[in-house]
Amino acid sequence: RGAAAGGDVCMCRTVSPAHASHRGELSAGQLREWMDATACLAAEKHAGMSCVTACMDDIQFEESARVGQIITIKAKVNRAFKTSMEVRDHHSYSYQFGIKVTVQDILTNVEKIMSVAYATYVAKPLGAGKIELEPVKLLAPEDHLEHTLAIERRRIWPGYEQVFQNLMEESNKEGDYSWAKPFPNLRPRSQAMTHVQSIELVQPPHANHHGNTFGGQIMDWMETVASISASLLCRSYPILKSVNMFKFWGPSVVGDRLVFNAIVNNTFQNSVEVGVCVEAYNCEEWIKNQARHINSAFLIFNTVNDKGELLTFPQIEP
């Protein structure tokens, strides 16, 4: 039976140079690693058993954090679900989380909201026996609101991916590019030139306490290849603003080869969307070229000039 204690967890970190990008700011990949770890610990605190990441969606980045500043990550269980699906004779239980990240300057004591996200984790009970999870305790009025919204998010998420794909197909068709007329020097660029492929070998430091590749590590690698893809288009240093449709389709383990493919899907005047697909191979699959699709996501970037003004992206030609 799940632990009666609530599923709230708070993690604090100080941004060090090792966590920072070339701009001296906390890298988005590192932040997502911390967010994933915090939410996973919150899930396991409530469930009283191992939990794994199912998806992390609607990640918004509002502020940046610089070396020396303090990051506080709070993860809270909004709702617990028991699904009718069974996997390997185990009943599947999932949690939906709200994750909030703040950044604090130790000199001025000013604290700002840096990022918010929603994530889903799945409980993994041992053996074939059934379990009963404690319901989420609703104390404050906002708890009741998030509890209600969680079921709505769960209801619309299955159709969201198809809607998103349809919108992307429509936006890629030749149409009205009137926004580009004031920028005649922005010549369309080939989509193929933005394709980036990278490979990583999963080693023990990349694994979580379940023996699988740490979800936050995969997010970090995905952000890296997506950023390179966006930079090939804008020829500048892109800044990650949001992540959508980040889903785990299957696990990977130590020894797997992970192949990351990123390409710019479309540009939207001051932002660019990059799609990333991750495939895994064990040694035998590597020889036979039999890939396992384990992750995918859409990442939105923008870029600024020396004055902090948003730059306009060129169009993409398929």
C-alpha atoms as a PDB file:
ATOM      1  CA  ARG A   1       0.000   0.000   0.000  1.00  0.00           C
ATOM      2  CA  GLY A   2       1.307   3.455  -0.921  1.00  0.00           C
ATOM      3  CA  ALA A   3       2.849   5.585   1.779  1.00  0.00           C
ATOM      4  CA  ALA A   4       0.416   7.888   3.524  1.00  0.00           C
ATOM      5  CA  ALA A   5       2.811  10.797   3.458  1.00  0.00           C
ATOM      6  CA  GLY A   6       2.205  13.474   0.863  1.00  0.00           C
ATOM      7  CA  GLY A   7       4.151  13.614  -2.374  1.00  0.00           C
ATOM      8  CA  ASP A   8       5.706  17.065  -2.020  1.00  0.00           C
ATOM      9  CA  VAL A   9       9.469  17.319  -2.543  1.00  0.00           C
ATOM     10  CA  CYS A  10      11.756  20.354  -2.650  1.00  0.00           C
ATOM     11  CA  MET A  11      15.264  20.387  -4.120  1.00  0.00           C
ATOM     12  CA  CYS A  12      17.726  23.313  -3.834  1.00  0.00           C
ATOM     13  CA  ARG A  13      20.818  23.807  -5.953  1.00  0.00           C
ATOM     14  CA  THR A  14      23.425  26.513  -6.438  1.00  0.00           C
ATOM     15  CA  VAL A  15      24.373  27.127 -10.062  1.00  0.00           C
ATOM     16  CA  SER A  16      28.085  26.401 -10.515  1.00  0.00           C
ATOM     17  CA  PRO A  17      30.242  26.938 -13.623  1.00  0.00           C
ATOM     18  CA  ALA A  18      29.909  23.224 -14.412  1.00  0.00           C
ATOM     19  CA  HIS A  19      26.125  23.704 -14.760  1.00  0.00           C
ATOM     20  CA  ALA A  20      26.381  26.770 -16.991  1.00  0.00           C
ATOM     21  CA  SER A  21      26.396  27.291 -20.745  1.00  0.00           C
ATOM     22  CA  HIS A  22      28.865  29.446 -22.676  1.00  0.00           C
ATOM     23  CA  ARG A  23      26.676  32.440 -21.741  1.00  0.00           C
ATOM     24  CA  GLY A  24      27.244  31.806 -18.045  1.00  0.00           C
ATOM     25  CA  GLU A  25      23.602  30.751 -17.585  1.00  0.00           C
ATOM     26  CA  LEU A  26      22.224  27.496 -16.202  1.00  0.00           C
ATOM     27  CA  SER A  27      21.759  25.107 -19.124  1.00  0.00           C
ATOM     28  CA  ALA A  28      18.179  24.034 -19.801  1.00  0.00           C
ATOM     29  CA  GLY A  29      19.297  20.420 -20.009  1.00  0.00           C
ATOM     30  CA  GLN A  30      20.806  20.522 -16.516  1.00  0.00           C
ATOM     31  CA  LEU A  31      17.656  22.147 -15.157  1.00  0.00           C
ATOM     32  CA  ARG A  32      15.462  19.430 -16.659  1.00  0.00           C
ATOM     33  CA  GLU A  33      17.680  16.784 -15.054  1.00  0.00           C
ATOM     34  CA  TRP A  34      17.016  18.352 -11.647  1.00  0.00           C
ATOM     35  CA  MET A  35      13.291  18.729 -12.385  1.00  0.00           C
ATOM     36  CA  ASP A  36      13.007  15.072 -13.400  1.00  0.00           C
ATOM     37  CA  ALA A  37      14.842  13.866 -10.305  1.00  0.00           C
ATOM     38  CA  THR A  38      12.700  16.007  -7.990  1.00  0.00           C
ATOM     39  CA  ALA A  39       9.418  14.868  -9.520  1.00  0.00           C
ATOM     40  CA  CYS A  40      10.493  11.214  -9.497  1.00  0.00           C
ATOM     41  CA  LEU A  41      11.331  11.406  -5.782  1.00  0.00           C
ATOM     42  CA  ALA A  42       7.952  13.006  -5.116  1.00  0.00           C
ATOM     43  CA  ALA A  43       6.198  10.187  -6.982  1.00  0.00           C
ATOM     44  CA  GLU A  44       8.070   7.533  -5.030  1.00  0.00           C
ATOM     45  CA  LYS A  45       7.395   9.313  -1.755  1.00  0.00           C
ATOM     46  CA  HIS A  46       3.656   9.089  -2.378  1.00  0.00           C
ATOM     47  CA  ALA A  47       3.615   5.626  -3.977  1.00  0.00           C
ATOM     48  CA  GLY A  48       6.078   3.956  -1.627  1.00  0.00           C
ATOM     49  CA  MET A  49       7.624   2.135  -4.608  1.00  0.00           C
ATOM     50  CA  SER A  50       9.721   2.725  -7.700  1.00  0.00           C
ATOM     51  CA  CYS A  51       8.376   5.169 -10.313  1.00  0.00           C
ATOM     52  CA  VAL A  52       9.533   6.001 -13.835  1.00  0.00           C
ATOM     53  CA  THR A  53       8.965   9.011 -16.087  1.00  0.00           C
ATOM     54  CA  ALA A  54       6.167   8.607 -18.636  1.00  0.00           C
ATOM     55  CA  CYS A  55       6.215  12.116 -20.090  1.00  0.00           C
ATOM     56  CA  MET A  56       7.113  15.680 -19.244  1.00  0.00           C
ATOM     57  CA  ASP A  57       5.031  18.188 -21.127  1.00  0.00           C
ATOM     58  CA  ASP A  58       4.336  21.894 -21.395  1.00  0.00           C
ATOM     59  CA  ILE A  59       7.691  22.990 -19.971  1.00  0.00           C
ATOM     60  CA  GLN A  60       7.959  26.786 -20.025  1.00  0.00           C
ATOM     61  CA  PHE A  61      11.153  28.752 -19.333  1.00  0.00           C
ATOM     62  CA  GLU A  62      10.410  32.272 -18.089  1.00  0.00           C
ATOM     63  CA  GLU A  63      13.739  33.391 -16.592  1.00  0.00           C
ATOM     64  CA  SER A  64      17.399  32.462 -16.851  1.00  0.00           C
ATOM     65  CA  ALA A  65      19.707  31.682 -13.920  1.00  0.00           C
ATOM     66  CA  ARG A  66      23.345  32.658 -13.678  1.00  0.00           C
ATOM     67  CA  VAL A  67      26.326  31.176 -11.857  1.00  0.00           C
ATOM     68  CA  GLY A  68      26.032  31.728  -8.091  1.00  0.00           C
ATOM     69  CA  GLN A  69      22.233  31.973  -8.006  1.00  0.00           C
ATOM     70  CA  ILE A  70      20.031  29.547  -6.079  1.00  0.00           C
ATOM     71  CA  ILE A  71      17.551  27.226  -7.813  1.00  0.00           C
ATOM     72  CA  THR A  72      14.588  25.851  -5.865  1.00  0.00           C
ATOM     73  CA  ILE A  73      12.501  23.091  -7.452  1.00  0.00           C
ATOM     74  CA  LYS A  74       9.181  22.044  -5.934  1.00  0.00           C
ATOM     75  CA  ALA A  75       7.276  19.016  -7.208  1.00  0.00           C
ATOM     76  CA  LYS A  76       3.768  18.221  -6.056  1.00  0.00           C
ATOM     77  CA  VAL A  77       1.413  15.344  -6.860  1.00  0.00           C
ATOM     78  CA  ASN A  78      -1.749  16.799  -8.377  1.00  0.00           C
ATOM     79  CA  ARG A  79      -3.607  13.543  -8.895  1.00  0.00           C
ATOM     80  CA  ALA A  80      -3.107   9.772  -8.824  1.00  0.00           C
ATOM     81  CA  PHE A  81      -4.634   7.551 -11.496  1.00  0.00           C
ATOM     82  CA  LYS A  82      -5.116   3.833 -11.858  1.00  0.00           C
ATOM     83  CA  THR A  83      -5.357   2.874 -15.517  1.00  0.00           C
ATOM     84  CA  SER A  84      -7.078  -0.170 -16.968  1.00  0.00           C
ATOM     85  CA  MET A  85      -3.971  -1.027 -18.990  1.00  0.00           C
ATOM     86  CA  GLU A  86      -1.821  -3.910 -17.828  1.00  0.00           C
ATOM     87  CA  VAL A  87       1.839  -4.306 -18.709  1.00  0.00           C
ATOM     88  CA  ARG A  88       3.664  -7.565 -18.003  1.00  0.00           C
ATOM     89  CA  ASP A  89       0.877  -8.640 -15.656  1.00  0.00           C
ATOM     90  CA  HIS A  90       1.265  -5.480 -13.566  1.00  0.00           C
ATOM     91  CA  HIS A  91      -1.510  -2.958 -13.106  1.00  0.00           C
ATOM     92  CA  SER A  92      -0.330   0.492 -14.161  1.00  0.00           C
ATOM     93  CA  TYR A  93      -0.642   3.425 -11.771  1.00  0.00           C
ATOM     94  CA  SER A  94       0.287   6.935 -12.809  1.00  0.00           C
ATOM     95  CA  TYR A  95       0.732  10.320 -11.155  1.00  0.00           C
ATOM     96  CA  GLN A  96       0.411  13.779 -12.593  1.00  0.00           C
ATOM     97  CA  PHE A  97       2.705  16.445 -11.163  1.00  0.00           C
ATOM     98  CA  GLY A  98       3.061  20.155 -11.107  1.00  0.00           C
ATOM     99  CA  ILE A  99       6.684  21.312 -11.061  1.00  0.00           C
ATOM    100  CA  LYS A 100       7.672  24.867 -10.174  1.00  0.00           C
ATOM    101  CA  VAL A 101      11.196  26.279 -10.361  1.00  0.00           C
ATOM    102  CA  THR A 102      12.319  29.572  -8.848  1.00  0.00           C
ATOM    103  CA  VAL A 103      15.648  31.397  -9.061  1.00  0.00           C
ATOM    104  CA  GLN A 104      16.955  33.569  -6.237  1.00  0.00           C
ATOM    105  CA  ASP A 105      19.804  36.067  -6.275  1.00  0.00           C
ATOM    106  CA  ILE A 106      21.709  35.810  -2.995  1.00  0.00           C
ATOM    107  CA  LEU A 107      22.922  39.426  -3.174  1.00  0.00           C
ATOM    108  CA  THR A 108      19.563  41.113  -3.788  1.00  0.00           C
ATOM    109  CA  ASN A 109      17.358  38.349  -2.312  1.00  0.00           C
ATOM    110  CA  VAL A 110      15.067  38.788  -5.346  1.00  0.00           C
ATOM    111  CA  GLU A 111      13.247  35.570  -6.250  1.00  0.00           C
ATOM    112  CA  LYS A 112      11.554  34.932  -9.604  1.00  0.00           C
ATOM    113  CA  ILE A 113       9.647  32.060 -11.180  1.00  0.00           C
ATOM    114  CA  MET A 114      12.010  30.446 -13.648  1.00  0.00           C
ATOM    115  CA  SER A 115      10.052  27.518 -15.047  1.00  0.00           C
ATOM    116  CA  VAL A 116       6.823  25.562 -14.696  1.00  0.00           C
ATOM    117  CA  ALA A 117       5.981  22.127 -16.076  1.00  0.00           C
ATOM    118  CA  TYR A 118       3.634  19.177 -15.832  1.00  0.00           C
ATOM    119  CA  ALA A 119       4.840  15.591 -15.784  1.00  0.00           C
ATOM    120  CA  THR A 120       3.412  12.075 -15.520  1.00  0.00           C
ATOM    121  CA  TYR A 121       5.110   9.218 -13.694  1.00  0.00           C
ATOM    122  CA  VAL A 122       4.168   5.540 -13.576  1.00  0.00           C
ATOM    123  CA  ALA A 123       4.449   3.393 -10.450  1.00  0.00           C
ATOM    124  CA  LYS A 124       6.223   0.055 -10.900  1.00  0.00           C
ATOM    125  CA  PRO A 125       5.185  -2.445  -8.202  1.00  0.00           C
ATOM    126  CA  LEU A 126       7.217  -5.595  -7.698  1.00  0.00           C
ATOM    127  CA  GLY A 127       5.512  -8.922  -8.321  1.00  0.00           C
ATOM    128  CA  ALA A 128       2.072  -9.546  -9.806  1.00  0.00           C
ATOM    129  CA  GLY A 129      -0.004  -8.574  -6.772  1.00  0.00           C
ATOM    130  CA  LYS A 130      -2.399  -5.664  -6.818  1.00  0.00           C
ATOM    131  CA  ILE A 131      -1.683  -2.510  -4.862  1.00  0.00           C
ATOM    132  CA  GLU A 132      -3.800   0.317  -3.585  1.00  0.00           C
ATOM    133  CA  LEU A 133      -2.408   3.826  -3.681  1.00  0.00           C
ATOM    134  CA  GLU A 134      -3.355   6.508  -1.223  1.00  0.00           C
ATOM    135  CA  PRO A 135      -5.399   9.312  -2.828  1.00  0.00           C
ATOM    136  CA  VAL A 136      -3.819  12.742  -2.956  1.00  0.00           C
ATOM    137  CA  LYS A 137      -4.718  14.815   0.106  1.00  0.00           C
ATOM    138  CA  LEU A 138      -6.300  18.123  -0.886  1.00  0.00           C
ATOM    139  CA  LEU A 139      -5.633  20.793   1.723  1.00  0.00           C
ATOM    140  CA  ALA A 140      -5.557  24.224   0.075  1.00  0.00           C
ATOM    141  CA  PRO A 141      -8.054  25.627  -2.486  1.00  0.00           C
ATOM    142  CA  GLU A 142      -5.360  25.519  -5.173  1.00  0.00           C
ATOM    143  CA  ASP A 143      -4.931  21.790  -4.474  1.00  0.00           C
ATOM    144  CA  HIS A 144      -8.565  21.210  -5.428  1.00  0.00           C
ATOM    145  CA  LEU A 145      -8.129  23.251  -8.597  1.00  0.00           C
ATOM    146  CA  GLU A 146      -5.015  21.380  -9.728  1.00  0.00           C
ATOM    147  CA  HIS A 147      -6.705  18.067  -8.873  1.00  0.00           C
ATOM    148  CA  THR A 148      -9.586  18.943 -11.192  1.00  0.00           C
ATOM    149  CA  LEU A 149      -7.354  20.283 -13.955  1.00  0.00           C
ATOM    150  CA  ALA A 150      -5.238  17.125 -13.863  1.00  0.00           C
ATOM    151  CA  ILE A 151      -8.087  14.968 -15.140  1.00  0.00           C
ATOM    152  CA  GLU A 152      -8.749  17.465 -17.916  1.00  0.00           C
ATOM    153  CA  ARG A 153      -5.103  17.444 -18.995  1.00  0.00           C
ATOM    154  CA  ARG A 154      -5.137  13.658 -18.971  1.00  0.00           C
ATOM    155  CA  ARG A 155      -8.285  13.651 -21.114  1.00  0.00           C
ATOM    156  CA  ILE A 156      -6.969  15.980 -23.819  1.00  0.00           C
ATOM    157  CA  TRP A 157      -3.332  14.789 -24.009  1.00  0.00           C
ATOM    158  CA  PRO A 158      -4.017  11.724 -26.238  1.00  0.00           C
ATOM    159  CA  GLY A 159      -5.522  13.939 -28.925  1.00  0.00           C
ATOM    160  CA  TYR A 160      -3.032  16.754 -28.477  1.00  0.00           C
ATOM    161  CA  GLU A 161      -0.250  14.991 -30.349  1.00  0.00           C
ATOM    162  CA  GLN A 162      -2.407  14.436 -33.450  1.00  0.00           C
ATOM    163  CA  VAL A 163      -3.664  18.019 -33.407  1.00  0.00           C
ATOM    164  CA  PHE A 164      -0.097  19.279 -33.060  1.00  0.00           C
ATOM    165  CA  GLN A 165       1.049  17.164 -35.990  1.00  0.00           C
ATOM    166  CA  ASN A 166      -1.825  18.408 -38.160  1.00  0.00           C
ATOM    167  CA  LEU A 167      -0.993  22.013 -37.364  1.00  0.00           C
ATOM    168  CA  MET A 168       2.641  21.452 -38.265  1.00  0.00           C
ATOM    169  CA  GLU A 169       1.680  19.885 -41.603  1.00  0.00           C
ATOM    170  CA  GLU A 170      -0.530  22.851 -42.413  1.00  0.00           C
ATOM    171  CA  SER A 171       2.080  25.396 -41.394  1.00  0.00           C
ATOM    172  CA  ASN A 172       4.686  23.711 -43.580  1.00  0.00           C
ATOM    173  CA  LYS A 173       2.544  24.158 -46.686  1.00  0.00           C
ATOM    174  CA  GLU A 174       3.264  27.077 -48.972  1.00  0.00           C
ATOM    175  CA  GLY A 175       1.104  29.933 -47.752  1.00  0.00           C
ATOM    176  CA  ASP A 176       1.137  33.488 -46.491  1.00  0.00           C
ATOM    177  CA  TYR A 177       4.576  34.603 -45.352  1.00  0.00           C
ATOM    178  CA  SER A 178       3.642  38.274 -45.079  1.00  0.00           C
ATOM    179  CA  TRP A 179       5.518  38.536 -41.786  1.00  0.00           C
ATOM    180  CA  ALA A 180       8.773  38.056 -43.750  1.00  0.00           C
ATOM    181  CA  LYS A 181       8.153  40.897 -46.243  1.00  0.00           C
ATOM    182  CA  PRO A 182       9.737  43.595 -44.021  1.00  0.00           C
ATOM    183  CA  PHE A 183      12.890  41.404 -43.940  1.00  0.00           C
ATOM    184  CA  PRO A 184      13.908  40.955 -47.594  1.00  0.00           C
ATOM    185  CA  ASN A 185      17.454  39.966 -46.623  1.00  0.00           C
ATOM    186  CA  LEU A 186      16.218  36.810 -44.872  1.00  0.00           C
ATOM    187  CA  ARG A 187      16.591  34.246 -47.621  1.00  0.00           C
ATOM    188  CA  PRO A 188      14.821  30.915 -47.119  1.00  0.00           C
ATOM    189  CA  ARG A 189      17.166  28.156 -46.022  1.00  0.00           C
ATOM    190  CA  SER A 190      17.074  24.454 -46.656  1.00  0.00           C
ATOM    191  CA  GLN A 191      15.583  22.303 -43.937  1.00  0.00           C
ATOM    192  CA  ALA A 192      18.157  19.611 -44.674  1.00  0.00           C
ATOM    193  CA  MET A 193      20.991  21.881 -43.520  1.00  0.00           C
ATOM    194  CA  THR A 194      19.508  21.896 -40.001  1.00  0.00           C
ATOM    195  CA  HIS A 195      19.622  18.110 -39.576  1.00  0.00           C
ATOM    196  CA  VAL A 196      21.892  17.033 -36.731  1.00  0.00           C
ATOM    197  CA  GLN A 197      22.679  13.473 -35.669  1.00  0.00           C
ATOM    198  CA  SER A 198      24.583  12.535 -32.535  1.00  0.00           C
ATOM    199  CA  ILE A 199      25.261   9.298 -30.672  1.00  0.00           C
ATOM    200  CA  GLU A 200      25.761   8.617 -26.986  1.00  0.00           C
ATOM    201  CA  LEU A 201      26.851   5.434 -25.211  1.00  0.00           C
ATOM    202  CA  VAL A 202      24.886   4.941 -21.981  1.00  0.00           C
ATOM    203  CA  GLN A 203      27.347   4.422 -19.131  1.00  0.00           C
ATOM    204  CA  PRO A 204      26.751   3.693 -15.408  1.00  0.00           C
ATOM    205  CA  PRO A 205      26.828   7.392 -14.370  1.00  0.00           C
ATOM    206  CA  HIS A 206      23.931   7.984 -16.805  1.00  0.00           C
ATOM    207  CA  ALA A 207      21.657   5.421 -15.120  1.00  0.00           C
ATOM    208  CA  ASN A 208      19.107   6.115 -12.411  1.00  0.00           C
ATOM    209  CA  HIS A 209      18.456   4.080  -9.287  1.00  0.00           C
ATOM    210  CA  HIS A 210      16.301   1.661 -11.330  1.00  0.00           C
ATOM    211  CA  GLY A 211      19.132   0.798 -13.723  1.00  0.00           C
ATOM    212  CA  ASN A 212      17.523   2.608 -16.677  1.00  0.00           C
ATOM    213  CA  THR A 213      18.978   5.642 -18.433  1.00  0.00           C
ATOM    214  CA  PHE A 214      18.091   8.673 -16.339  1.00  0.00           C
ATOM    215  CA  GLY A 215      15.273  10.567 -18.037  1.00  0.00           C
ATOM    216  CA  GLY A 216      16.838  13.896 -17.191  1.00  0.00           C
ATOM    217  CA  GLN A 217      20.073  12.829 -18.893  1.00  0.00           C
ATOM    218  CA  ILE A 218      18.192  11.974 -22.083  1.00  0.00           C
ATOM    219  CA  MET A 219      16.465  15.373 -21.928  1.00  0.00           C
ATOM    220  CA  ASP A 220      19.865  17.042 -21.601  1.00  0.00           C
ATOM    221  CA  TRP A 221      21.242  15.228 -24.661  1.00  0.00           C
ATOM    222  CA  MET A 222      18.093  16.062 -26.641  1.00  0.00           C
ATOM    223  CA  GLU A 223      18.388  19.753 -25.770  1.00  0.00           C
ATOM    224  CA  THR A 224      21.997  19.752 -26.952  1.00  0.00           C
ATOM    225  CA  VAL A 225      21.292  18.377 -30.446  1.00  0.00           C
ATOM    226  CA  ALA A 226      18.173  20.558 -30.796  1.00  0.00           C
ATOM    227  CA  SER A 227      20.177  23.653 -29.888  1.00  0.00           C
ATOM    228  CA  ILE A 228      22.803  22.802 -32.496  1.00  0.00           C
ATOM    229  CA  SER A 229      20.076  22.304 -35.104  1.00  0.00           C
ATOM    230  CA  ALA A 230      18.521  25.692 -34.324  1.00  0.00           C
ATOM    231  CA  SER A 231      21.934  27.403 -34.370  1.00  0.00           C
ATOM    232  CA  LEU A 232      22.609  26.115 -37.898  1.00  0.00           C
ATOM    233  CA  LEU A 233      19.511  28.005 -39.008  1.00  0.00           C
ATOM    234  CA  CYS A 234      19.854  31.250 -37.054  1.00  0.00           C
ATOM    235  CA  ARG A 235      23.686  31.299 -37.005  1.00  0.00           C
ATOM    236  CA  SER A 236      23.506  32.544 -33.463  1.00  0.00           C
ATOM    237  CA  TYR A 237      23.140  31.083 -29.958  1.00  0.00           C
ATOM    238  CA  PRO A 238      19.536  29.902 -29.496  1.00  0.00           C
ATOM    239  CA  ILE A 239      17.743  30.075 -26.144  1.00  0.00           C
ATOM    240  CA  LEU A 240      15.323  27.311 -25.175  1.00  0.00           C
ATOM    241  CA  LYS A 241      11.895  28.707 -24.262  1.00  0.00           C
ATOM    242  CA  SER A 242       9.593  25.674 -24.053  1.00  0.00           C
ATOM    243  CA  VAL A 243       9.340  21.918 -24.575  1.00  0.00           C
ATOM    244  CA  ASN A 244       6.246  20.090 -25.801  1.00  0.00           C
ATOM    245  CA  MET A 245       5.302  16.451 -26.239  1.00  0.00           C
ATOM    246  CA  PHE A 246       8.306  14.987 -24.413  1.00  0.00           C
ATOM    247  CA  LYS A 247       7.363  11.321 -24.123  1.00  0.00           C
ATOM    248  CA  PHE A 248       9.137   8.130 -23.093  1.00  0.00           C
ATOM    249  CA  TRP A 249       8.040   5.331 -25.405  1.00  0.00           C
ATOM    250  CA  GLY A 250      10.369   2.775 -23.862  1.00  0.00           C
ATOM    251  CA  PRO A 251      13.403   2.361 -21.577  1.00  0.00           C
ATOM    252  CA  SER A 252      17.097   2.198 -22.331  1.00  0.00           C
ATOM    253  CA  VAL A 253      19.829   0.748 -20.155  1.00  0.00           C
ATOM    254  CA  VAL A 254      23.578   0.878 -19.574  1.00  0.00           C
ATOM    255  CA  GLY A 255      25.376  -0.297 -22.696  1.00  0.00           C
ATOM    256  CA  ASP A 256      22.740   0.979 -25.125  1.00  0.00           C
ATOM    257  CA  ARG A 257      23.708   3.261 -27.980  1.00  0.00           C
ATOM    258  CA  LEU A 258      21.342   6.215 -28.253  1.00  0.00           C
ATOM    259  CA  VAL A 259      21.059   7.943 -31.619  1.00  0.00           C
ATOM    260  CA  PHE A 260      19.629  11.463 -31.588  1.00  0.00           C
ATOM    261  CA  ASN A 261      18.219  13.062 -34.738  1.00  0.00           C
ATOM    262  CA  ALA A 262      17.150  16.715 -34.698  1.00  0.00           C
ATOM    263  CA  ILE A 263      15.787  18.922 -37.465  1.00  0.00           C
ATOM    264  CA  VAL A 264      14.045  22.290 -37.670  1.00  0.00           C
ATOM    265  CA  ASN A 265      10.338  21.751 -38.374  1.00  0.00           C
ATOM    266  CA  ASN A 266       9.312  25.348 -38.918  1.00  0.00           C
ATOM    267  CA  THR A 267      10.003  28.986 -38.057  1.00  0.00           C
ATOM    268  CA  PHE A 268       7.533  31.473 -36.586  1.00  0.00           C
ATOM    269  CA  GLN A 269       9.114  34.928 -37.039  1.00  0.00           C
ATOM    270  CA  ASN A 270      10.815  35.181 -33.615  1.00  0.00           C
ATOM    271  CA  SER A 271      10.931  31.483 -32.714  1.00  0.00           C
ATOM    272  CA  VAL A 272      11.874  28.161 -34.231  1.00  0.00           C
ATOM    273  CA  GLU A 273      10.614  24.650 -33.519  1.00  0.00           C
ATOM    274  CA  VAL A 274      13.013  21.715 -33.548  1.00  0.00           C
ATOM    275  CA  GLY A 275      11.842  18.099 -33.533  1.00  0.00           C
ATOM    276  CA  VAL A 276      14.050  15.483 -31.865  1.00  0.00           C
ATOM    277  CA  CYS A 277      13.765  11.701 -32.144  1.00  0.00           C
ATOM    278  CA  VAL A 278      15.779   9.243 -30.038  1.00  0.00           C
ATOM    279  CA  GLU A 279      16.431   5.623 -30.990  1.00  0.00           C
ATOM    280  CA  ALA A 280      18.170   2.994 -28.857  1.00  0.00           C
ATOM    281  CA  TYR A 281      20.208  -0.040 -29.827  1.00  0.00           C
ATOM    282  CA  ASN A 282      21.745  -2.780 -27.742  1.00  0.00           C
ATOM    283  CA  CYS A 283      24.803  -4.581 -29.133  1.00  0.00           C
ATOM    284  CA  GLU A 284      22.809  -7.095 -31.166  1.00  0.00           C
ATOM    285  CA  GLU A 285      20.350  -4.482 -32.432  1.00  0.00           C
ATOM    286  CA  TRP A 286      23.278  -2.249 -33.397  1.00  0.00           C
ATOM    287  CA  ILE A 287      24.719  -4.924 -35.689  1.00  0.00           C
ATOM    288  CA  LYS A 288      21.311  -5.650 -37.250  1.00  0.00           C
ATOM    289  CA  ASN A 289      20.334  -1.958 -37.424  1.00  0.00           C
ATOM    290  CA  GLN A 290      17.126  -2.665 -35.492  1.00  0.00           C
ATOM    291  CA  ALA A 291      16.268   0.531 -33.635  1.00  0.00           C
ATOM    292  CA  ARG A 292      13.919   1.057 -30.694  1.00  0.00           C
ATOM    293  CA  HIS A 293      12.157   4.430 -30.706  1.00  0.00           C
ATOM    294  CA  ILE A 294      12.319   5.552 -27.077  1.00  0.00           C
ATOM    295  CA  ASN A 295      11.833   9.333 -27.037  1.00  0.00           C
ATOM    296  CA  SER A 296      10.583  12.284 -29.031  1.00  0.00           C
ATOM    297  CA  ALA A 297       9.931  15.957 -28.326  1.00  0.00           C
ATOM    298  CA  PHE A 298       9.366  19.391 -29.855  1.00  0.00           C
ATOM    299  CA  LEU A 299      11.580  22.216 -28.554  1.00  0.00           C
ATOM    300  CA  ILE A 300      10.967  25.931 -29.120  1.00  0.00           C
ATOM    301  CA  PHE A 301      13.917  28.360 -29.272  1.00  0.00           C
ATOM    302  CA  ASN A 302      14.415  32.052 -29.836  1.00  0.00           C
ATOM    303  CA  THR A 303      17.542  34.157 -30.053  1.00  0.00           C
ATOM    304  CA  VAL A 304      18.472  37.743 -29.202  1.00  0.00           C
ATOM    305  CA  ASN A 305      21.030  40.319 -30.273  1.00  0.00           C
ATOM    306  CA  ASP A 306      23.487  42.174 -28.029  1.00  0.00           C
ATOM    307  CA  LYS A 307      20.698  44.541 -26.952  1.00  0.00           C
ATOM    308  CA  GLY A 308      18.417  41.690 -25.881  1.00  0.00           C
ATOM    309  CA  GLU A 309      16.068  42.189 -28.827  1.00  0.00           C
ATOM    310  CA  LEU A 310      14.451  39.154 -30.427  1.00  0.00           C
ATOM    311  CA  LEU A 311      15.855  38.265 -33.826  1.00  0.00           C
ATOM    312  CA  THR A 312      13.757  37.160 -36.790  1.00  0.00           C
ATOM    313  CA  PHE A 313      14.327  33.681 -38.205  1.00  0.00           C
ATOM    314  CA  PRO A 314      14.543  32.936 -41.936  1.00  0.00           C
ATOM    315  CA  GLN A 315      11.959  30.693 -43.571  1.00  0.00           C
ATOM    316  CA  ILE A 316      12.550  26.990 -44.000  1.00  0.00           C
ATOM    317  CA  GLU A 317      12.324  25.248 -47.349  1.00  0.00           C
ATOM    318  CA  PRO A 318      11.677  21.475 -47.219  1.00  0.00           C
END
